[in-house]
N, C-alpha and C. Protein backbone atom coordinates (compact mmCIF):
# COMPACT_ATOMS: atom_id res chain seq x y z
N MET A 1 126.36 139.23 50.69
CA MET A 1 127.02 138.69 51.85
C MET A 1 125.96 138.38 52.91
N SER A 2 125.99 137.17 53.41
CA SER A 2 125.03 136.82 54.46
C SER A 2 125.73 136.82 55.80
N ILE A 3 124.96 137.18 56.78
CA ILE A 3 125.49 137.21 58.14
C ILE A 3 124.86 136.05 58.90
N ALA A 4 125.70 135.17 59.39
CA ALA A 4 125.19 134.03 60.18
C ALA A 4 124.87 134.51 61.58
N ARG A 5 123.69 134.19 62.03
CA ARG A 5 123.30 134.54 63.38
C ARG A 5 123.55 133.35 64.30
N ALA A 6 124.18 133.64 65.38
CA ALA A 6 124.42 132.58 66.36
C ALA A 6 123.13 132.29 67.10
N ARG A 7 122.83 131.02 67.20
CA ARG A 7 121.65 130.64 67.99
C ARG A 7 122.00 130.73 69.45
N ALA A 8 121.07 131.25 70.20
CA ALA A 8 121.27 131.29 71.65
C ALA A 8 121.26 129.87 72.18
N PRO A 9 122.18 129.56 73.08
CA PRO A 9 122.16 128.20 73.63
C PRO A 9 120.87 127.96 74.39
N ARG A 10 120.40 126.72 74.29
CA ARG A 10 119.18 126.34 74.99
C ARG A 10 119.50 126.28 76.47
N THR A 11 118.73 127.01 77.24
CA THR A 11 118.97 127.02 78.68
C THR A 11 117.96 126.12 79.38
N GLU A 12 118.45 125.48 80.39
CA GLU A 12 117.61 124.57 81.16
C GLU A 12 116.75 125.37 82.12
N PRO A 13 115.44 125.07 82.14
CA PRO A 13 114.59 125.76 83.11
C PRO A 13 114.99 125.37 84.53
N ALA A 14 114.72 126.26 85.47
CA ALA A 14 114.99 125.94 86.87
C ALA A 14 114.10 124.76 87.24
N VAL A 15 114.70 123.72 87.78
CA VAL A 15 113.97 122.49 88.08
C VAL A 15 114.23 122.09 89.53
N VAL A 16 113.15 121.72 90.20
CA VAL A 16 113.23 121.19 91.55
C VAL A 16 112.82 119.72 91.48
N LEU A 17 113.67 118.84 92.00
CA LEU A 17 113.35 117.41 92.08
C LEU A 17 112.97 117.09 93.51
N ARG A 18 111.87 116.34 93.67
CA ARG A 18 111.43 115.97 95.02
C ARG A 18 110.55 114.73 94.95
N ALA A 19 110.33 114.14 96.12
CA ALA A 19 109.39 113.04 96.22
C ALA A 19 107.98 113.61 96.00
N PRO A 20 107.13 112.89 95.28
CA PRO A 20 105.78 113.40 95.06
C PRO A 20 104.91 113.28 96.32
N ARG A 21 103.82 114.03 96.30
CA ARG A 21 102.79 113.98 97.36
C ARG A 21 101.47 113.61 96.69
N SER A 22 100.52 113.14 97.46
CA SER A 22 99.23 112.75 96.89
C SER A 22 98.58 113.90 96.12
N THR A 23 98.81 115.13 96.54
CA THR A 23 98.22 116.28 95.85
C THR A 23 98.83 116.50 94.46
N ASP A 24 99.89 115.78 94.13
CA ASP A 24 100.50 115.87 92.80
C ASP A 24 99.83 114.95 91.79
N GLY A 25 98.93 114.09 92.23
CA GLY A 25 98.34 113.07 91.35
C GLY A 25 97.70 113.62 90.09
N MET A 26 96.90 114.68 90.19
CA MET A 26 96.24 115.23 89.00
C MET A 26 97.26 115.85 88.04
N GLY A 27 98.23 116.57 88.58
CA GLY A 27 99.26 117.16 87.72
C GLY A 27 100.06 116.10 86.99
N VAL A 28 100.36 115.00 87.68
CA VAL A 28 101.07 113.88 87.07
C VAL A 28 100.20 113.28 85.96
N HIS A 29 98.93 113.12 86.23
CA HIS A 29 98.01 112.56 85.24
C HIS A 29 97.98 113.43 83.97
N ARG A 30 97.90 114.75 84.14
CA ARG A 30 97.89 115.65 82.98
C ARG A 30 99.22 115.59 82.23
N LEU A 31 100.33 115.52 82.95
CA LEU A 31 101.65 115.42 82.31
C LEU A 31 101.74 114.16 81.46
N ILE A 32 101.38 113.04 82.02
CA ILE A 32 101.47 111.76 81.31
C ILE A 32 100.57 111.77 80.07
N ALA A 33 99.40 112.40 80.16
CA ALA A 33 98.48 112.47 79.01
C ALA A 33 99.13 113.21 77.84
N LYS A 34 100.06 114.13 78.13
CA LYS A 34 100.74 114.90 77.07
C LYS A 34 101.99 114.20 76.55
N CYS A 35 102.38 113.10 77.17
CA CYS A 35 103.65 112.43 76.85
C CYS A 35 103.40 111.14 76.07
N ARG A 36 102.92 111.28 74.86
CA ARG A 36 102.75 110.10 74.02
C ARG A 36 104.12 109.53 73.70
N PRO A 37 104.31 108.24 73.65
CA PRO A 37 103.32 107.18 73.60
C PRO A 37 103.05 106.52 74.96
N LEU A 38 103.29 107.22 76.06
CA LEU A 38 103.06 106.60 77.37
C LEU A 38 101.61 106.17 77.53
N ASP A 39 101.43 105.02 78.18
CA ASP A 39 100.08 104.57 78.52
C ASP A 39 99.56 105.42 79.66
N GLU A 40 98.32 105.90 79.50
CA GLU A 40 97.69 106.65 80.59
C GLU A 40 97.11 105.66 81.58
N ASN A 41 97.34 105.95 82.84
CA ASN A 41 96.71 105.20 83.91
C ASN A 41 95.57 106.05 84.45
N SER A 42 94.79 105.49 85.34
CA SER A 42 93.71 106.26 85.95
C SER A 42 94.31 107.32 86.89
N VAL A 43 93.53 108.35 87.18
CA VAL A 43 93.96 109.35 88.15
C VAL A 43 94.23 108.66 89.49
N TYR A 44 93.39 107.70 89.84
CA TYR A 44 93.56 106.98 91.10
C TYR A 44 94.92 106.29 91.15
N CYS A 45 95.32 105.69 90.05
CA CYS A 45 96.64 105.05 89.98
C CYS A 45 97.74 106.08 90.21
N ASN A 46 97.63 107.25 89.56
CA ASN A 46 98.63 108.30 89.74
C ASN A 46 98.64 108.83 91.17
N LEU A 47 97.47 108.87 91.83
CA LEU A 47 97.41 109.26 93.24
C LEU A 47 98.16 108.24 94.11
N LEU A 48 98.01 106.97 93.82
CA LEU A 48 98.72 105.93 94.57
C LEU A 48 100.22 106.00 94.31
N GLN A 49 100.61 106.24 93.05
CA GLN A 49 102.03 106.36 92.74
C GLN A 49 102.65 107.52 93.52
N ALA A 50 101.91 108.63 93.62
CA ALA A 50 102.41 109.83 94.28
C ALA A 50 102.35 109.74 95.80
N SER A 51 101.66 108.75 96.33
CA SER A 51 101.58 108.61 97.79
C SER A 51 102.23 107.30 98.25
N HIS A 52 101.68 106.18 97.89
CA HIS A 52 102.22 104.88 98.34
C HIS A 52 103.63 104.61 97.84
N PHE A 53 103.96 105.11 96.64
CA PHE A 53 105.26 104.83 96.04
C PHE A 53 106.13 106.09 95.96
N ALA A 54 105.90 107.04 96.86
CA ALA A 54 106.64 108.31 96.84
C ALA A 54 108.14 108.11 97.03
N SER A 55 108.54 107.12 97.82
CA SER A 55 109.97 106.93 98.08
C SER A 55 110.71 106.40 96.85
N THR A 56 109.98 105.86 95.89
CA THR A 56 110.60 105.34 94.67
C THR A 56 110.06 106.04 93.43
N SER A 57 109.49 107.22 93.62
CA SER A 57 109.03 108.05 92.52
C SER A 57 109.59 109.45 92.71
N VAL A 58 109.63 110.22 91.63
CA VAL A 58 110.18 111.57 91.70
C VAL A 58 109.39 112.48 90.76
N ILE A 59 109.17 113.70 91.21
CA ILE A 59 108.54 114.71 90.36
C ILE A 59 109.55 115.83 90.16
N ALA A 60 109.58 116.36 88.93
CA ALA A 60 110.42 117.51 88.59
C ALA A 60 109.47 118.66 88.30
N GLU A 61 109.69 119.79 88.96
CA GLU A 61 108.82 120.95 88.79
C GLU A 61 109.62 122.16 88.32
N ASP A 62 108.94 123.04 87.59
CA ASP A 62 109.56 124.31 87.23
C ASP A 62 109.40 125.28 88.40
N GLY A 63 109.85 126.49 88.23
CA GLY A 63 109.80 127.48 89.30
C GLY A 63 108.40 127.84 89.75
N ASP A 64 107.39 127.55 88.91
CA ASP A 64 106.00 127.84 89.27
C ASP A 64 105.28 126.64 89.85
N GLY A 65 106.01 125.54 90.06
CA GLY A 65 105.40 124.33 90.61
C GLY A 65 104.69 123.46 89.59
N GLU A 66 104.89 123.75 88.29
CA GLU A 66 104.28 122.92 87.25
C GLU A 66 105.16 121.70 86.98
N PRO A 67 104.54 120.51 86.86
CA PRO A 67 105.33 119.31 86.60
C PRO A 67 105.99 119.34 85.22
N LEU A 68 107.30 119.12 85.21
CA LEU A 68 108.07 118.97 83.97
C LEU A 68 108.42 117.52 83.71
N GLY A 69 108.45 116.72 84.78
CA GLY A 69 108.80 115.32 84.64
C GLY A 69 108.31 114.52 85.82
N PHE A 70 108.19 113.21 85.60
CA PHE A 70 107.75 112.31 86.66
C PHE A 70 108.27 110.91 86.35
N ILE A 71 108.79 110.27 87.36
CA ILE A 71 109.14 108.85 87.26
C ILE A 71 108.41 108.13 88.37
N SER A 72 107.71 107.06 87.98
CA SER A 72 107.10 106.18 88.98
C SER A 72 107.89 104.89 88.99
N GLY A 73 108.08 104.35 90.18
CA GLY A 73 108.81 103.10 90.32
C GLY A 73 108.50 102.44 91.63
N TYR A 74 109.08 101.28 91.81
CA TYR A 74 108.93 100.53 93.05
C TYR A 74 110.07 99.53 93.15
N ARG A 75 110.37 99.12 94.37
CA ARG A 75 111.36 98.05 94.56
C ARG A 75 110.62 96.72 94.44
N LEU A 76 111.24 95.78 93.76
CA LEU A 76 110.62 94.46 93.59
C LEU A 76 110.43 93.82 94.96
N PRO A 77 109.26 93.27 95.23
CA PRO A 77 109.01 92.67 96.55
C PRO A 77 110.01 91.57 96.92
N GLU A 78 110.45 90.79 95.93
CA GLU A 78 111.38 89.68 96.22
C GLU A 78 112.83 90.11 96.21
N ARG A 79 113.11 91.34 95.70
CA ARG A 79 114.50 91.79 95.55
C ARG A 79 114.59 93.27 95.89
N ASP A 80 114.98 93.55 97.10
CA ASP A 80 115.09 94.93 97.57
C ASP A 80 116.20 95.70 96.86
N ASP A 81 117.07 94.98 96.13
CA ASP A 81 118.17 95.65 95.42
C ASP A 81 117.80 96.06 94.00
N VAL A 82 116.51 95.88 93.61
CA VAL A 82 116.05 96.23 92.26
C VAL A 82 115.00 97.32 92.34
N LEU A 83 115.25 98.42 91.63
CA LEU A 83 114.26 99.47 91.44
C LEU A 83 113.64 99.24 90.07
N PHE A 84 112.34 98.96 90.04
CA PHE A 84 111.65 98.82 88.76
C PHE A 84 111.05 100.17 88.40
N VAL A 85 111.45 100.71 87.25
CA VAL A 85 110.93 101.99 86.77
C VAL A 85 109.70 101.70 85.92
N TRP A 86 108.55 102.18 86.40
CA TRP A 86 107.28 101.92 85.73
C TRP A 86 107.12 102.86 84.54
N GLN A 87 107.26 104.16 84.78
CA GLN A 87 107.10 105.14 83.70
C GLN A 87 108.05 106.30 83.90
N VAL A 88 108.49 106.84 82.78
CA VAL A 88 109.27 108.08 82.78
C VAL A 88 108.53 109.05 81.87
N ALA A 89 108.11 110.17 82.42
CA ALA A 89 107.42 111.20 81.64
C ALA A 89 108.24 112.49 81.73
N VAL A 90 108.53 113.08 80.58
CA VAL A 90 109.23 114.37 80.52
C VAL A 90 108.45 115.25 79.55
N SER A 91 108.07 116.44 80.00
CA SER A 91 107.30 117.37 79.17
C SER A 91 108.11 117.77 77.94
N THR A 92 107.42 118.18 76.89
CA THR A 92 108.10 118.54 75.65
C THR A 92 109.10 119.67 75.87
N GLU A 93 108.77 120.65 76.72
CA GLU A 93 109.69 121.77 76.92
C GLU A 93 110.95 121.39 77.69
N ALA A 94 110.96 120.23 78.36
CA ALA A 94 112.13 119.81 79.14
C ALA A 94 112.90 118.67 78.48
N ARG A 95 112.48 118.26 77.29
CA ARG A 95 113.17 117.15 76.62
C ARG A 95 114.51 117.58 76.08
N GLY A 96 115.45 116.64 76.06
CA GLY A 96 116.77 116.91 75.52
C GLY A 96 117.71 117.58 76.50
N LEU A 97 117.28 117.70 77.75
CA LEU A 97 118.10 118.37 78.77
C LEU A 97 118.65 117.39 79.81
N GLY A 98 118.42 116.09 79.61
CA GLY A 98 118.92 115.10 80.56
C GLY A 98 118.08 114.98 81.82
N LEU A 99 116.84 115.48 81.79
CA LEU A 99 116.00 115.45 82.98
C LEU A 99 115.67 114.02 83.42
N GLY A 100 115.42 113.14 82.48
CA GLY A 100 115.11 111.74 82.83
C GLY A 100 116.24 111.12 83.63
N LYS A 101 117.47 111.29 83.16
CA LYS A 101 118.64 110.75 83.88
C LYS A 101 118.82 111.41 85.23
N ARG A 102 118.58 112.72 85.32
CA ARG A 102 118.69 113.41 86.60
C ARG A 102 117.67 112.86 87.61
N MET A 103 116.45 112.60 87.13
CA MET A 103 115.43 112.05 88.03
C MET A 103 115.82 110.64 88.49
N LEU A 104 116.34 109.82 87.57
CA LEU A 104 116.78 108.47 87.95
C LEU A 104 117.88 108.53 89.00
N ARG A 105 118.85 109.40 88.77
CA ARG A 105 119.96 109.55 89.73
C ARG A 105 119.42 109.99 91.09
N ASN A 106 118.45 110.92 91.09
CA ASN A 106 117.84 111.39 92.33
C ASN A 106 117.23 110.23 93.12
N LEU A 107 116.55 109.34 92.41
CA LEU A 107 115.95 108.18 93.09
C LEU A 107 117.01 107.29 93.72
N LEU A 108 118.10 107.05 93.00
CA LEU A 108 119.14 106.16 93.51
C LEU A 108 119.89 106.77 94.69
N GLU A 109 119.98 108.09 94.75
CA GLU A 109 120.72 108.76 95.82
C GLU A 109 119.87 109.07 97.04
N ARG A 110 118.59 108.76 97.00
CA ARG A 110 117.69 109.06 98.10
C ARG A 110 117.90 108.14 99.29
N PRO A 111 117.79 108.69 100.51
CA PRO A 111 117.80 107.82 101.69
C PRO A 111 116.69 106.77 101.57
N GLY A 112 117.02 105.55 101.93
CA GLY A 112 116.07 104.44 101.83
C GLY A 112 116.28 103.59 100.59
N ASN A 113 117.01 104.11 99.61
CA ASN A 113 117.26 103.35 98.38
C ASN A 113 118.71 102.92 98.27
N GLU A 114 119.43 102.93 99.38
CA GLU A 114 120.86 102.58 99.36
C GLU A 114 121.13 101.16 98.90
N ALA A 115 120.19 100.26 99.11
CA ALA A 115 120.40 98.86 98.74
C ALA A 115 120.22 98.60 97.25
N VAL A 116 119.70 99.57 96.50
CA VAL A 116 119.43 99.38 95.07
C VAL A 116 120.75 99.28 94.30
N ARG A 117 120.92 98.18 93.58
CA ARG A 117 122.09 97.93 92.75
C ARG A 117 121.73 97.63 91.30
N TYR A 118 120.42 97.57 91.02
CA TYR A 118 119.92 97.27 89.68
C TYR A 118 118.71 98.16 89.39
N VAL A 119 118.59 98.60 88.15
CA VAL A 119 117.38 99.27 87.67
C VAL A 119 116.80 98.39 86.58
N HIS A 120 115.52 98.08 86.69
CA HIS A 120 114.79 97.33 85.67
C HIS A 120 113.68 98.23 85.13
N THR A 121 113.36 98.05 83.87
CA THR A 121 112.22 98.72 83.25
C THR A 121 111.84 97.93 82.02
N THR A 122 110.69 98.23 81.45
CA THR A 122 110.35 97.65 80.15
C THR A 122 110.14 98.78 79.16
N VAL A 123 110.53 98.50 77.90
CA VAL A 123 110.44 99.48 76.82
C VAL A 123 109.99 98.74 75.57
N THR A 124 109.10 99.37 74.80
CA THR A 124 108.72 98.77 73.51
C THR A 124 109.87 98.96 72.52
N PRO A 125 110.00 98.05 71.55
CA PRO A 125 111.13 98.12 70.62
C PRO A 125 111.25 99.44 69.85
N ASP A 126 110.15 100.14 69.62
CA ASP A 126 110.19 101.36 68.81
C ASP A 126 110.32 102.65 69.61
N ASN A 127 110.47 102.57 70.92
CA ASN A 127 110.57 103.78 71.75
C ASN A 127 112.03 104.22 71.84
N ASP A 128 112.48 104.87 70.78
CA ASP A 128 113.89 105.26 70.67
C ASP A 128 114.34 106.18 71.79
N ALA A 129 113.48 107.10 72.22
CA ALA A 129 113.86 108.03 73.28
C ALA A 129 114.17 107.29 74.58
N SER A 130 113.32 106.34 74.95
CA SER A 130 113.56 105.58 76.19
C SER A 130 114.80 104.71 76.07
N TRP A 131 114.97 104.05 74.92
CA TRP A 131 116.16 103.23 74.72
C TRP A 131 117.42 104.08 74.88
N GLY A 132 117.41 105.25 74.27
CA GLY A 132 118.57 106.13 74.35
C GLY A 132 118.85 106.59 75.77
N MET A 133 117.80 106.97 76.50
CA MET A 133 118.00 107.45 77.86
C MET A 133 118.55 106.34 78.76
N PHE A 134 117.96 105.15 78.69
CA PHE A 134 118.40 104.07 79.57
C PHE A 134 119.80 103.56 79.20
N ARG A 135 120.12 103.54 77.91
CA ARG A 135 121.49 103.17 77.51
C ARG A 135 122.49 104.19 78.05
N SER A 136 122.16 105.46 77.92
CA SER A 136 123.03 106.52 78.42
C SER A 136 123.16 106.45 79.94
N PHE A 137 122.06 106.15 80.61
CA PHE A 137 122.09 106.04 82.07
C PHE A 137 122.99 104.88 82.50
N ALA A 138 122.88 103.75 81.81
CA ALA A 138 123.74 102.60 82.13
C ALA A 138 125.21 102.97 81.95
N ARG A 139 125.52 103.67 80.86
CA ARG A 139 126.91 104.11 80.64
C ARG A 139 127.37 105.04 81.75
N SER A 140 126.49 105.95 82.20
CA SER A 140 126.89 106.89 83.25
C SER A 140 127.17 106.17 84.57
N LEU A 141 126.53 105.03 84.78
CA LEU A 141 126.77 104.21 85.98
C LEU A 141 127.91 103.22 85.78
N GLU A 142 128.43 103.16 84.53
CA GLU A 142 129.43 102.16 84.16
C GLU A 142 128.93 100.76 84.50
N ALA A 143 127.65 100.53 84.14
CA ALA A 143 126.99 99.26 84.47
C ALA A 143 126.53 98.56 83.19
N PRO A 144 126.53 97.24 83.20
CA PRO A 144 126.02 96.51 82.04
C PRO A 144 124.52 96.70 81.88
N LEU A 145 124.04 96.56 80.65
CA LEU A 145 122.62 96.61 80.33
C LEU A 145 122.29 95.34 79.56
N GLU A 146 121.40 94.54 80.11
CA GLU A 146 120.96 93.29 79.47
C GLU A 146 119.50 93.43 79.08
N THR A 147 119.08 92.74 78.01
CA THR A 147 117.69 92.80 77.56
C THR A 147 117.12 91.41 77.32
N THR A 148 115.85 91.26 77.63
CA THR A 148 115.06 90.07 77.30
C THR A 148 113.62 90.52 77.13
N VAL A 149 112.83 89.79 76.37
CA VAL A 149 111.42 90.13 76.24
C VAL A 149 110.72 89.67 77.51
N MET A 150 110.02 90.58 78.16
CA MET A 150 109.30 90.25 79.40
C MET A 150 107.83 89.92 79.11
N PHE A 151 107.19 90.77 78.30
CA PHE A 151 105.79 90.54 77.93
C PHE A 151 105.70 90.54 76.41
N GLU A 152 105.23 89.41 75.87
CA GLU A 152 105.19 89.24 74.42
C GLU A 152 103.87 89.71 73.83
N ARG A 153 104.00 90.28 72.64
CA ARG A 153 102.84 90.83 71.92
C ARG A 153 101.68 89.82 71.85
N GLN A 154 101.96 88.62 71.43
CA GLN A 154 100.88 87.63 71.27
C GLN A 154 100.50 86.97 72.59
N ALA A 155 101.47 86.52 73.34
CA ALA A 155 101.18 85.75 74.56
C ALA A 155 100.54 86.59 75.66
N HIS A 156 100.91 87.88 75.76
CA HIS A 156 100.43 88.70 76.87
C HIS A 156 99.44 89.79 76.46
N PHE A 157 99.49 90.22 75.20
CA PHE A 157 98.65 91.34 74.77
C PHE A 157 97.66 90.97 73.67
N ASP A 158 97.53 89.68 73.35
CA ASP A 158 96.64 89.24 72.27
C ASP A 158 96.87 90.03 70.98
N GLY A 159 98.12 90.40 70.73
CA GLY A 159 98.46 91.12 69.51
C GLY A 159 98.11 92.60 69.51
N ALA A 160 97.55 93.11 70.60
CA ALA A 160 97.08 94.50 70.64
C ALA A 160 98.13 95.49 71.13
N HIS A 161 99.32 95.03 71.48
CA HIS A 161 100.37 95.92 72.02
C HIS A 161 101.70 95.31 71.65
N ASP A 162 102.69 96.14 71.43
CA ASP A 162 104.03 95.65 71.11
C ASP A 162 104.64 94.90 72.29
N ASP A 163 105.67 94.10 71.98
CA ASP A 163 106.44 93.45 73.05
C ASP A 163 106.92 94.51 74.04
N GLU A 164 107.06 94.11 75.29
CA GLU A 164 107.70 94.94 76.30
C GLU A 164 109.02 94.25 76.64
N VAL A 165 110.12 94.92 76.30
CA VAL A 165 111.46 94.38 76.50
C VAL A 165 111.98 94.81 77.86
N LEU A 166 112.40 93.84 78.66
CA LEU A 166 112.97 94.14 79.97
C LEU A 166 114.41 94.59 79.81
N LEU A 167 114.71 95.77 80.33
CA LEU A 167 116.08 96.28 80.39
C LEU A 167 116.55 96.11 81.82
N GLU A 168 117.68 95.44 82.00
CA GLU A 168 118.26 95.24 83.33
C GLU A 168 119.61 95.95 83.37
N ILE A 169 119.70 96.99 84.19
CA ILE A 169 120.94 97.75 84.35
C ILE A 169 121.54 97.39 85.70
N GLY A 170 122.79 96.96 85.69
CA GLY A 170 123.46 96.67 86.95
C GLY A 170 124.25 95.38 86.88
N PRO A 171 124.98 95.13 87.93
CA PRO A 171 125.03 95.86 89.20
C PRO A 171 125.85 97.14 89.09
N PHE A 172 125.57 98.07 90.01
CA PHE A 172 126.29 99.33 90.06
C PHE A 172 126.39 99.80 91.50
N GLU A 173 127.27 100.74 91.70
CA GLU A 173 127.42 101.43 92.99
C GLU A 173 127.09 102.89 92.74
N VAL A 174 126.32 103.50 93.60
CA VAL A 174 126.01 104.91 93.49
C VAL A 174 126.92 105.65 94.46
N ALA A 175 127.62 106.67 93.96
CA ALA A 175 128.53 107.45 94.81
C ALA A 175 127.80 107.97 96.03
N GLY A 176 128.41 107.83 97.18
CA GLY A 176 127.82 108.32 98.41
C GLY A 176 126.93 107.32 99.12
N SER A 177 126.60 106.19 98.46
CA SER A 177 125.76 105.20 99.13
C SER A 177 126.66 104.19 99.85
N GLU A 178 126.09 103.61 100.87
CA GLU A 178 126.84 102.62 101.65
C GLU A 178 126.70 101.26 101.02
N THR A 179 127.75 100.50 101.05
CA THR A 179 127.72 99.13 100.53
C THR A 179 127.13 98.21 101.58
N ALA A 180 126.24 97.35 101.14
CA ALA A 180 125.59 96.42 102.09
C ALA A 180 126.56 95.39 102.59
């Protein structure tokens, strides 16, 4: 007779979501380096993301202040109603807990982002985790998701990188935000 052991449910680590600060740049850089297949940017780029783009970026930290996740983004210069998500990084220990979607929601609910009605990002065709997260996020907003190729493998990357597919989510309304 075998006895089945119940697996303990996976518990979510305590997470604090906040706007990044310039002093977060190195931690963000180390996090992204561990999150393959994300492209690594320079430390200087991560410092700029954590300072110049703090209002459209978010860091998720554990109780000890270690980064568990980071989203960098910006509003399109020609369209203040579009948040372009540059990168989403979630540490291996925080994957599968919905942290990416929580960070996205945090950005949309922040003061100063009330005009955002669309989220844009690019994803390579084989990045199943990103496709799944953004599809799920669109469903949670009850918003359409449209796709087109933004940067082509041959035309933009000389064959050295996969296509980057533009995902356009929206229009949507975020609960608690004011309508323009």
